Amino acid sequence: MSEQVTATIIPFPRGKALAEADPRARLQRALAALDLAVAEQRAAVAKWRASLGELRGSMQGLGQSMGDYHARLGTLADDVVGLNRQARRLEAWADAALGREAHR
């Protein structure tokens, strides 16, 4: 007794593009997908440009702040030099006064 085993062959599913025989319909779908991709790319480039504009503004603000900070440091340096000069004069005056006291 020999039983014969049979197999059922299941066809490979085909996508719509493969099942569609009309080349015009395939072309229309491809062009629609391309239009969508181009529109998405335009939106992404617009966002990128807007981000660059924001970055430019931030960098200009930072540059202005750094310029102001540099100017304040320059003023502070000038003030410190003036205080140092005055302290040296006072030190010299005190040394001279002590020297006169010692000679008396």
C-alpha atoms as a PDB file:
ATOM      1  CA  MET A   1       0.000   0.000   0.000  1.00  0.00           C
ATOM      2  CA  SER A   2       1.618   3.046  -1.159  1.00  0.00           C
ATOM      3  CA  GLU A   3       0.083   6.327  -0.269  1.00  0.00           C
ATOM      4  CA  GLN A   4       0.950   9.129  -2.536  1.00  0.00           C
ATOM      5  CA  VAL A   5       1.822  12.402  -0.816  1.00  0.00           C
ATOM      6  CA  THR A   6       0.954  15.537  -2.713  1.00  0.00           C
ATOM      7  CA  ALA A   7       1.892  19.104  -2.049  1.00  0.00           C
ATOM      8  CA  THR A   8      -0.122  22.211  -2.544  1.00  0.00           C
ATOM      9  CA  ILE A   9       1.775  24.932  -4.304  1.00  0.00           C
ATOM     10  CA  ILE A  10       0.958  28.387  -3.011  1.00  0.00           C
ATOM     11  CA  PRO A  11       1.592  31.123  -5.553  1.00  0.00           C
ATOM     12  CA  PHE A  12       4.035  33.854  -4.525  1.00  0.00           C
ATOM     13  CA  PRO A  13       2.068  37.031  -3.793  1.00  0.00           C
ATOM     14  CA  ARG A  14       2.646  39.760  -6.291  1.00  0.00           C
ATOM     15  CA  GLY A  15       2.684  43.401  -5.381  1.00  0.00           C
ATOM     16  CA  LYS A  16       0.394  45.865  -7.084  1.00  0.00           C
ATOM     17  CA  ALA A  17       3.217  47.132  -9.277  1.00  0.00           C
ATOM     18  CA  LEU A  18       3.943  43.655 -10.564  1.00  0.00           C
ATOM     19  CA  ALA A  19       0.302  42.752 -10.920  1.00  0.00           C
ATOM     20  CA  GLU A  20      -0.429  45.978 -12.764  1.00  0.00           C
ATOM     21  CA  ALA A  21       0.103  45.435 -16.420  1.00  0.00           C
ATOM     22  CA  ASP A  22      -0.731  48.982 -17.488  1.00  0.00           C
ATOM     23  CA  PRO A  23       2.567  50.866 -17.795  1.00  0.00           C
ATOM     24  CA  ARG A  24       0.763  54.228 -17.728  1.00  0.00           C
ATOM     25  CA  ALA A  25      -0.736  53.489 -14.328  1.00  0.00           C
ATOM     26  CA  ARG A  26       2.665  52.418 -13.001  1.00  0.00           C
ATOM     27  CA  LEU A  27       4.227  55.589 -14.391  1.00  0.00           C
ATOM     28  CA  GLN A  28       1.509  57.740 -12.807  1.00  0.00           C
ATOM     29  CA  ARG A  29       2.079  56.089  -9.419  1.00  0.00           C
ATOM     30  CA  ALA A  30       5.841  56.532  -9.750  1.00  0.00           C
ATOM     31  CA  LEU A  31       5.439  60.203 -10.682  1.00  0.00           C
ATOM     32  CA  ALA A  32       3.035  60.772  -7.790  1.00  0.00           C
ATOM     33  CA  ALA A  33       5.537  59.178  -5.409  1.00  0.00           C
ATOM     34  CA  LEU A  34       8.286  61.364  -6.887  1.00  0.00           C
ATOM     35  CA  ASP A  35       6.141  64.497  -6.478  1.00  0.00           C
ATOM     36  CA  LEU A  36       5.536  63.572  -2.850  1.00  0.00           C
ATOM     37  CA  ALA A  37       9.244  62.989  -2.258  1.00  0.00           C
ATOM     38  CA  VAL A  38      10.123  66.342  -3.853  1.00  0.00           C
ATOM     39  CA  ALA A  39       7.505  68.122  -1.720  1.00  0.00           C
ATOM     40  CA  GLU A  40       8.884  66.476   1.433  1.00  0.00           C
ATOM     41  CA  GLN A  41      12.398  67.467   0.407  1.00  0.00           C
ATOM     42  CA  ARG A  42      11.306  71.078  -0.159  1.00  0.00           C
ATOM     43  CA  ALA A  43       9.724  71.143   3.294  1.00  0.00           C
ATOM     44  CA  ALA A  44      12.895  69.694   4.845  1.00  0.00           C
ATOM     45  CA  VAL A  45      15.080  72.265   3.054  1.00  0.00           C
ATOM     46  CA  ALA A  46      12.765  75.066   4.205  1.00  0.00           C
ATOM     47  CA  LYS A  47      13.062  73.866   7.816  1.00  0.00           C
ATOM     48  CA  TRP A  48      16.833  73.605   7.416  1.00  0.00           C
ATOM     49  CA  ARG A  49      17.023  77.162   6.076  1.00  0.00           C
ATOM     50  CA  ALA A  50      14.865  78.406   8.947  1.00  0.00           C
ATOM     51  CA  SER A  51      17.171  76.636  11.397  1.00  0.00           C
ATOM     52  CA  LEU A  52      20.182  78.244   9.736  1.00  0.00           C
ATOM     53  CA  GLY A  53      18.502  81.637  10.102  1.00  0.00           C
ATOM     54  CA  GLU A  54      17.909  80.996  13.803  1.00  0.00           C
ATOM     55  CA  LEU A  55      21.510  79.848  14.197  1.00  0.00           C
ATOM     56  CA  ARG A  56      22.751  82.969  12.418  1.00  0.00           C
ATOM     57  CA  GLY A  57      20.724  85.148  14.789  1.00  0.00           C
ATOM     58  CA  SER A  58      22.003  83.257  17.814  1.00  0.00           C
ATOM     59  CA  MET A  59      25.594  83.537  16.628  1.00  0.00           C
ATOM     60  CA  GLN A  60      25.198  87.271  16.000  1.00  0.00           C
ATOM     61  CA  GLY A  61      23.770  87.679  19.489  1.00  0.00           C
ATOM     62  CA  LEU A  62      26.635  85.658  20.918  1.00  0.00           C
ATOM     63  CA  GLY A  63      29.136  87.750  18.966  1.00  0.00           C
ATOM     64  CA  GLN A  64      27.574  90.942  20.312  1.00  0.00           C
ATOM     65  CA  SER A  65      27.642  89.567  23.857  1.00  0.00           C
ATOM     66  CA  MET A  66      31.278  88.550  23.490  1.00  0.00           C
ATOM     67  CA  GLY A  67      32.132  92.008  22.131  1.00  0.00           C
ATOM     68  CA  ASP A  68      30.422  93.640  25.108  1.00  0.00           C
ATOM     69  CA  TYR A  69      32.216  91.262  27.486  1.00  0.00           C
ATOM     70  CA  HIS A  70      35.559  92.050  25.817  1.00  0.00           C
ATOM     71  CA  ALA A  71      34.910  95.778  26.177  1.00  0.00           C
ATOM     72  CA  ARG A  72      34.042  95.366  29.872  1.00  0.00           C
ATOM     73  CA  LEU A  73      37.202  93.316  30.408  1.00  0.00           C
ATOM     74  CA  GLY A  74      39.201  96.082  28.728  1.00  0.00           C
ATOM     75  CA  THR A  75      37.644  98.660  31.019  1.00  0.00           C
ATOM     76  CA  LEU A  76      38.340  96.445  34.023  1.00  0.00           C
ATOM     77  CA  ALA A  77      41.956  95.986  32.918  1.00  0.00           C
ATOM     78  CA  ASP A  78      42.359  99.760  32.622  1.00  0.00           C
ATOM     79  CA  ASP A  79      40.842 100.199  36.089  1.00  0.00           C
ATOM     80  CA  VAL A  80      43.177  97.572  37.561  1.00  0.00           C
ATOM     81  CA  VAL A  81      46.201  99.248  35.957  1.00  0.00           C
ATOM     82  CA  GLY A  82      45.061 102.581  37.441  1.00  0.00           C
ATOM     83  CA  LEU A  83      44.565 101.043  40.881  1.00  0.00           C
ATOM     84  CA  ASN A  84      47.963  99.360  40.668  1.00  0.00           C
ATOM     85  CA  ARG A  85      49.586 102.689  39.737  1.00  0.00           C
ATOM     86  CA  GLN A  86      47.842 104.402  42.638  1.00  0.00           C
ATOM     87  CA  ALA A  87      48.817 101.599  45.046  1.00  0.00           C
ATOM     88  CA  ARG A  88      52.469 101.908  43.968  1.00  0.00           C
ATOM     89  CA  ARG A  89      52.348 105.674  44.480  1.00  0.00           C
ATOM     90  CA  LEU A  90      50.862 105.177  47.934  1.00  0.00           C
ATOM     91  CA  GLU A  91      53.477 102.539  48.675  1.00  0.00           C
ATOM     92  CA  ALA A  92      56.251 104.900  47.570  1.00  0.00           C
ATOM     93  CA  TRP A  93      54.739 107.727  49.655  1.00  0.00           C
ATOM     94  CA  ALA A  94      54.491 105.407  52.688  1.00  0.00           C
ATOM     95  CA  ASP A  95      58.088 104.241  52.201  1.00  0.00           C
ATOM     96  CA  ALA A  96      59.245 107.846  51.948  1.00  0.00           C
ATOM     97  CA  ALA A  97      57.251 108.790  55.038  1.00  0.00           C
ATOM     98  CA  LEU A  98      58.717 105.880  56.970  1.00  0.00           C
ATOM     99  CA  GLY A  99      62.177 106.820  55.762  1.00  0.00           C
ATOM    100  CA  ARG A 100      61.737 110.383  57.011  1.00  0.00           C
ATOM    101  CA  GLU A 101      60.469 109.077  60.341  1.00  0.00           C
ATOM    102  CA  ALA A 102      63.480 106.793  60.647  1.00  0.00           C
ATOM    103  CA  HIS A 103      65.858 109.721  60.044  1.00  0.00           C
ATOM    104  CA  ARG A 104      64.335 111.869  62.734  1.00  0.00           C
END
